[in-house]
C-alpha atoms as a PDB file:
ATOM      1  CA  MET A   1      56.781  81.050  -2.466  1.00  0.00           C
ATOM      2  CA  VAL A   2      59.787  82.911  -3.826  1.00  0.00           C
ATOM      3  CA  ARG A   3      57.505  85.544  -5.384  1.00  0.00           C
ATOM      4  CA  ALA A   4      55.271  85.772  -2.278  1.00  0.00           C
ATOM      5  CA  ASP A   5      52.338  84.661  -4.449  1.00  0.00           C
ATOM      6  CA  TYR A   6      50.207  83.807  -1.426  1.00  0.00           C
ATOM      7  CA  GLY A   7      47.095  83.000  -3.453  1.00  0.00           C
ATOM      8  CA  GLY A   8      48.904  80.868  -6.023  1.00  0.00           C
ATOM      9  CA  GLU A   9      47.371  82.895  -8.836  1.00  0.00           C
ATOM     10  CA  GLY A  10      50.498  84.454 -10.338  1.00  0.00           C
ATOM     11  CA  GLU A  11      50.370  87.675  -8.311  1.00  0.00           C
ATOM     12  CA  GLY A  12      53.733  88.189  -6.608  1.00  0.00           C
ATOM     13  CA  THR A  13      53.976  90.634  -3.720  1.00  0.00           C
ATOM     14  CA  THR A  14      57.699  90.662  -3.044  1.00  0.00           C
ATOM     15  CA  ARG A  15      60.530  92.920  -4.261  1.00  0.00           C
ATOM     16  CA  ASN A  16      63.710  91.965  -6.082  1.00  0.00           C
ATOM     17  CA  GLY A  17      66.545  91.187  -3.718  1.00  0.00           C
ATOM     18  CA  MET A  18      64.392  90.171  -0.741  1.00  0.00           C
ATOM     19  CA  SER A  19      66.103  87.514   1.349  1.00  0.00           C
ATOM     20  CA  ILE A  20      64.165  84.378   2.321  1.00  0.00           C
ATOM     21  CA  ASP A  21      65.125  81.130   4.014  1.00  0.00           C
ATOM     22  CA  PHE A  22      63.132  78.118   2.865  1.00  0.00           C
ATOM     23  CA  HIS A  23      62.987  74.415   3.591  1.00  0.00           C
ATOM     24  CA  ASP A  24      60.744  71.459   2.879  1.00  0.00           C
ATOM     25  CA  SER A  25      59.145  68.645   4.814  1.00  0.00           C
ATOM     26  CA  TYR A  26      61.197  66.038   2.911  1.00  0.00           C
ATOM     27  CA  GLY A  27      64.585  67.216   4.168  1.00  0.00           C
ATOM     28  CA  ILE A  28      65.820  68.057   0.663  1.00  0.00           C
ATOM     29  CA  GLN A  29      66.294  71.754   1.456  1.00  0.00           C
ATOM     30  CA  LYS A  30      67.455  72.498   4.997  1.00  0.00           C
ATOM     31  CA  PRO A  31      66.789  75.838   6.741  1.00  0.00           C
ATOM     32  CA  ASP A  32      69.684  78.255   7.196  1.00  0.00           C
ATOM     33  CA  ASN A  33      68.287  79.345  10.567  1.00  0.00           C
ATOM     34  CA  ASP A  34      69.346  82.968  10.126  1.00  0.00           C
ATOM     35  CA  GLU A  35      68.267  84.646  13.365  1.00  0.00           C
ATOM     36  CA  GLU A  36      66.998  87.693  11.438  1.00  0.00           C
ATOM     37  CA  HIS A  37      64.407  85.546   9.648  1.00  0.00           C
ATOM     38  CA  VAL A  38      61.103  84.579  11.263  1.00  0.00           C
ATOM     39  CA  PHE A  39      58.465  82.163  10.009  1.00  0.00           C
ATOM     40  CA  GLU A  40      56.496  83.743   7.167  1.00  0.00           C
ATOM     41  CA  ALA A  41      54.286  81.050   5.632  1.00  0.00           C
ATOM     42  CA  GLY A  42      53.656  77.403   4.829  1.00  0.00           C
ATOM     43  CA  TRP A  43      52.979  76.437   1.220  1.00  0.00           C
ATOM     44  CA  ASP A  44      51.404  73.712  -0.895  1.00  0.00           C
ATOM     45  CA  ALA A  45      50.989  73.465  -4.671  1.00  0.00           C
ATOM     46  CA  ASP A  46      48.119  76.003  -4.598  1.00  0.00           C
ATOM     47  CA  GLY A  47      49.873  78.798  -2.687  1.00  0.00           C
ATOM     48  CA  ALA A  48      50.097  79.628   0.995  1.00  0.00           C
ATOM     49  CA  VAL A  49      48.336  77.369   3.486  1.00  0.00           C
ATOM     50  CA  CYS A  50      48.733  80.066   6.139  1.00  0.00           C
ATOM     51  CA  VAL A  51      50.650  83.336   6.489  1.00  0.00           C
ATOM     52  CA  HIS A  52      52.228  84.540   9.719  1.00  0.00           C
ATOM     53  CA  HIS A  53      53.449  87.833   8.262  1.00  0.00           C
ATOM     54  CA  VAL A  54      53.682  89.301   4.778  1.00  0.00           C
ATOM     55  CA  ARG A  55      57.099  89.872   3.291  1.00  0.00           C
ATOM     56  CA  VAL A  56      56.513  93.427   2.040  1.00  0.00           C
ATOM     57  CA  LYS A  57      53.951  95.297   4.142  1.00  0.00           C
ATOM     58  CA  GLU A  58      53.617  98.085   1.556  1.00  0.00           C
ATOM     59  CA  ASN A  59      52.386  95.589  -1.063  1.00  0.00           C
ATOM     60  CA  VAL A  60      49.694  93.680   0.848  1.00  0.00           C
ATOM     61  CA  THR A  61      48.341  93.208   4.381  1.00  0.00           C
ATOM     62  CA  LEU A  62      47.130  90.094   6.156  1.00  0.00           C
ATOM     63  CA  ALA A  63      43.567  91.467   6.049  1.00  0.00           C
ATOM     64  CA  GLN A  64      43.824  91.967   2.291  1.00  0.00           C
ATOM     65  CA  LEU A  65      45.083  88.399   1.868  1.00  0.00           C
ATOM     66  CA  GLU A  66      42.102  87.020   3.786  1.00  0.00           C
ATOM     67  CA  GLN A  67      39.728  89.113   1.675  1.00  0.00           C
ATOM     68  CA  ARG A  68      41.313  88.104  -1.659  1.00  0.00           C
ATOM     69  CA  TYR A  69      41.852  84.432  -0.852  1.00  0.00           C
ATOM     70  CA  PRO A  70      39.046  82.805   1.165  1.00  0.00           C
ATOM     71  CA  ARG A  71      41.203  79.744   1.881  1.00  0.00           C
ATOM     72  CA  LEU A  72      43.389  81.995   4.088  1.00  0.00           C
ATOM     73  CA  LYS A  73      40.506  83.294   6.221  1.00  0.00           C
ATOM     74  CA  GLY A  74      41.384  82.590   9.866  1.00  0.00           C
ATOM     75  CA  ARG A  75      44.839  81.363   8.843  1.00  0.00           C
ATOM     76  CA  THR A  76      46.892  84.535   9.121  1.00  0.00           C
ATOM     77  CA  GLY A  77      48.848  86.093  11.946  1.00  0.00           C
ATOM     78  CA  ALA A  78      49.964  84.337  15.123  1.00  0.00           C
ATOM     79  CA  ILE A  79      47.948  81.171  14.408  1.00  0.00           C
ATOM     80  CA  CYS A  80      50.244  80.440  11.460  1.00  0.00           C
ATOM     81  CA  THR A  81      53.186  78.454  12.762  1.00  0.00           C
ATOM     82  CA  GLU A  82      55.168  75.784  10.970  1.00  0.00           C
ATOM     83  CA  GLU A  83      53.286  73.152  12.958  1.00  0.00           C
ATOM     84  CA  PHE A  84      49.913  74.642  11.965  1.00  0.00           C
ATOM     85  CA  ALA A  85      51.000  74.801   8.323  1.00  0.00           C
ATOM     86  CA  ARG A  86      52.144  71.148   8.365  1.00  0.00           C
ATOM     87  CA  ALA A  87      48.835  70.078   9.901  1.00  0.00           C
ATOM     88  CA  HIS A  88      47.040  71.807   7.017  1.00  0.00           C
ATOM     89  CA  GLY A  89      49.041  70.223   4.204  1.00  0.00           C
ATOM     90  CA  ALA A  90      52.052  72.492   3.716  1.00  0.00           C
ATOM     91  CA  THR A  91      55.212  70.853   2.393  1.00  0.00           C
ATOM     92  CA  LEU A  92      57.308  74.010   1.878  1.00  0.00           C
ATOM     93  CA  PHE A  93      58.051  76.629   4.507  1.00  0.00           C
ATOM     94  CA  ASN A  94      59.808  79.944   4.482  1.00  0.00           C
ATOM     95  CA  LYS A  95      61.171  82.556   6.811  1.00  0.00           C
ATOM     96  CA  SER A  96      61.858  86.194   6.041  1.00  0.00           C
ATOM     97  CA  ARG A  97      62.654  89.424   7.834  1.00  0.00           C
ATOM     98  CA  GLN A  98      59.632  90.896   9.548  1.00  0.00           C
END
């Protein structure tokens, strides 16, 4: 999640210094609720369950994610909300600047 490794294969798509706000479904890490951050993705042990927006648009697009990672097909863009991610097994969630 921190590296924006959406496919869970070791390929990070973020940049050093990018700010993210993350929390979990267990209440261990609470969200900061910074108003500049919007929901980015929900995560499980294998990578992103869904992606609302990519962190660094110059590095990858939603269409490229769906092409590279079949498990994300139909799970990118507006459909990806925290509720959708939870319903599909996510236990970690993050927000970032859009």
